[in-house]
Amino acid sequence: MRRRELIRILKRIAGEVRLDLVLTEGGSHTKARIGPWMTTIPRHREVDESLARSIIRNCRSTLQEES
């Protein structure tokens, strides 16, 4: 999955729960934060499909627990 597409999906999830997606650029990763949830995204053009699915699944489950 393209990194841009993963970030677009995270923005959509943030909009669904009415929170902001905050991206902070680090050395070789980007930190993504939506409310209490935070993860790192590798700064590569392509992100492994299983990693992207895991990030999305983790984000949704964490934010649903908070609601």
C-alpha atoms as a PDB file:
ATOM      1  CA  MET A   1       0.000   0.000   0.000  1.00  0.00           C
ATOM      2  CA  ARG A   2       1.282   3.459  -0.740  1.00  0.00           C
ATOM      3  CA  ARG A   3       2.183   5.568   2.284  1.00  0.00           C
ATOM      4  CA  ARG A   4      -0.023   8.413   1.037  1.00  0.00           C
ATOM      5  CA  GLU A   5      -2.999   6.057   0.823  1.00  0.00           C
ATOM      6  CA  LEU A   6      -2.441   4.847   4.411  1.00  0.00           C
ATOM      7  CA  ILE A   7      -2.326   8.445   5.659  1.00  0.00           C
ATOM      8  CA  ARG A   8      -5.504   9.230   3.700  1.00  0.00           C
ATOM      9  CA  ILE A   9      -7.275   6.285   5.383  1.00  0.00           C
ATOM     10  CA  LEU A  10      -6.101   7.457   8.820  1.00  0.00           C
ATOM     11  CA  LYS A  11      -7.452  10.958   8.052  1.00  0.00           C
ATOM     12  CA  ARG A  12     -10.826   9.426   7.193  1.00  0.00           C
ATOM     13  CA  ILE A  13     -10.853   7.420  10.454  1.00  0.00           C
ATOM     14  CA  ALA A  14      -9.989  10.588  12.408  1.00  0.00           C
ATOM     15  CA  GLY A  15     -12.875  12.404  10.729  1.00  0.00           C
ATOM     16  CA  GLU A  16     -15.283   9.601  11.656  1.00  0.00           C
ATOM     17  CA  VAL A  17     -14.473  10.021  15.354  1.00  0.00           C
ATOM     18  CA  ARG A  18     -14.232  13.820  15.033  1.00  0.00           C
ATOM     19  CA  LEU A  19     -10.583  14.044  16.023  1.00  0.00           C
ATOM     20  CA  ASP A  20      -7.571  15.449  14.209  1.00  0.00           C
ATOM     21  CA  LEU A  21      -4.791  13.402  12.674  1.00  0.00           C
ATOM     22  CA  VAL A  22      -1.479  14.895  13.803  1.00  0.00           C
ATOM     23  CA  LEU A  23       1.611  13.885  11.811  1.00  0.00           C
ATOM     24  CA  THR A  24       5.082  14.527  13.231  1.00  0.00           C
ATOM     25  CA  GLU A  25       8.112  13.821  11.066  1.00  0.00           C
ATOM     26  CA  GLY A  26      10.919  11.975  12.813  1.00  0.00           C
ATOM     27  CA  GLY A  27      14.230  10.659  11.501  1.00  0.00           C
ATOM     28  CA  SER A  28      13.072   7.695   9.433  1.00  0.00           C
ATOM     29  CA  HIS A  29       9.434   7.401  10.540  1.00  0.00           C
ATOM     30  CA  THR A  30       6.362   9.595  10.758  1.00  0.00           C
ATOM     31  CA  LYS A  31       4.470   9.624  14.051  1.00  0.00           C
ATOM     32  CA  ALA A  32       0.705   9.575  13.563  1.00  0.00           C
ATOM     33  CA  ARG A  33      -1.581  10.540  16.446  1.00  0.00           C
ATOM     34  CA  ILE A  34      -5.376  10.519  16.608  1.00  0.00           C
ATOM     35  CA  GLY A  35      -6.542  11.436  20.100  1.00  0.00           C
ATOM     36  CA  PRO A  36      -5.021   8.903  22.530  1.00  0.00           C
ATOM     37  CA  TRP A  37      -3.829   6.558  19.767  1.00  0.00           C
ATOM     38  CA  MET A  38      -0.296   6.870  18.370  1.00  0.00           C
ATOM     39  CA  THR A  39       1.833   4.837  15.968  1.00  0.00           C
ATOM     40  CA  THR A  40       4.814   5.213  13.678  1.00  0.00           C
ATOM     41  CA  ILE A  41       4.680   4.874   9.900  1.00  0.00           C
ATOM     42  CA  PRO A  42       7.882   4.058   8.022  1.00  0.00           C
ATOM     43  CA  ARG A  43       8.941   6.762   5.606  1.00  0.00           C
ATOM     44  CA  HIS A  44       8.994   4.597   2.492  1.00  0.00           C
ATOM     45  CA  ARG A  45       6.945   5.077  -0.645  1.00  0.00           C
ATOM     46  CA  GLU A  46       5.437   1.605  -0.180  1.00  0.00           C
ATOM     47  CA  VAL A  47       4.332   0.272   3.215  1.00  0.00           C
ATOM     48  CA  ASP A  48       3.987  -3.495   3.551  1.00  0.00           C
ATOM     49  CA  GLU A  49       0.339  -4.488   3.094  1.00  0.00           C
ATOM     50  CA  SER A  50       0.158  -6.518   6.318  1.00  0.00           C
ATOM     51  CA  LEU A  51       1.720  -3.653   8.311  1.00  0.00           C
ATOM     52  CA  ALA A  52      -0.769  -1.165   6.845  1.00  0.00           C
ATOM     53  CA  ARG A  53      -3.721  -3.433   7.683  1.00  0.00           C
ATOM     54  CA  SER A  54      -2.364  -3.882  11.205  1.00  0.00           C
ATOM     55  CA  ILE A  55      -2.026  -0.105  11.713  1.00  0.00           C
ATOM     56  CA  ILE A  56      -5.585   0.502  10.468  1.00  0.00           C
ATOM     57  CA  ARG A  57      -7.039  -2.331  12.580  1.00  0.00           C
ATOM     58  CA  ASN A  58      -5.197  -1.159  15.705  1.00  0.00           C
ATOM     59  CA  CYS A  59      -6.336   2.427  15.164  1.00  0.00           C
ATOM     60  CA  ARG A  60      -9.991   1.486  14.731  1.00  0.00           C
ATOM     61  CA  SER A  61     -10.066  -0.863  17.724  1.00  0.00           C
ATOM     62  CA  THR A  62      -8.330   1.643  20.034  1.00  0.00           C
ATOM     63  CA  LEU A  63     -10.598   4.525  19.031  1.00  0.00           C
ATOM     64  CA  GLN A  64     -13.734   2.393  19.341  1.00  0.00           C
ATOM     65  CA  GLU A  65     -12.736   1.410  22.892  1.00  0.00           C
ATOM     66  CA  GLU A  66     -12.381   5.110  23.774  1.00  0.00           C
ATOM     67  CA  SER A  67     -15.865   5.977  22.447  1.00  0.00           C
END
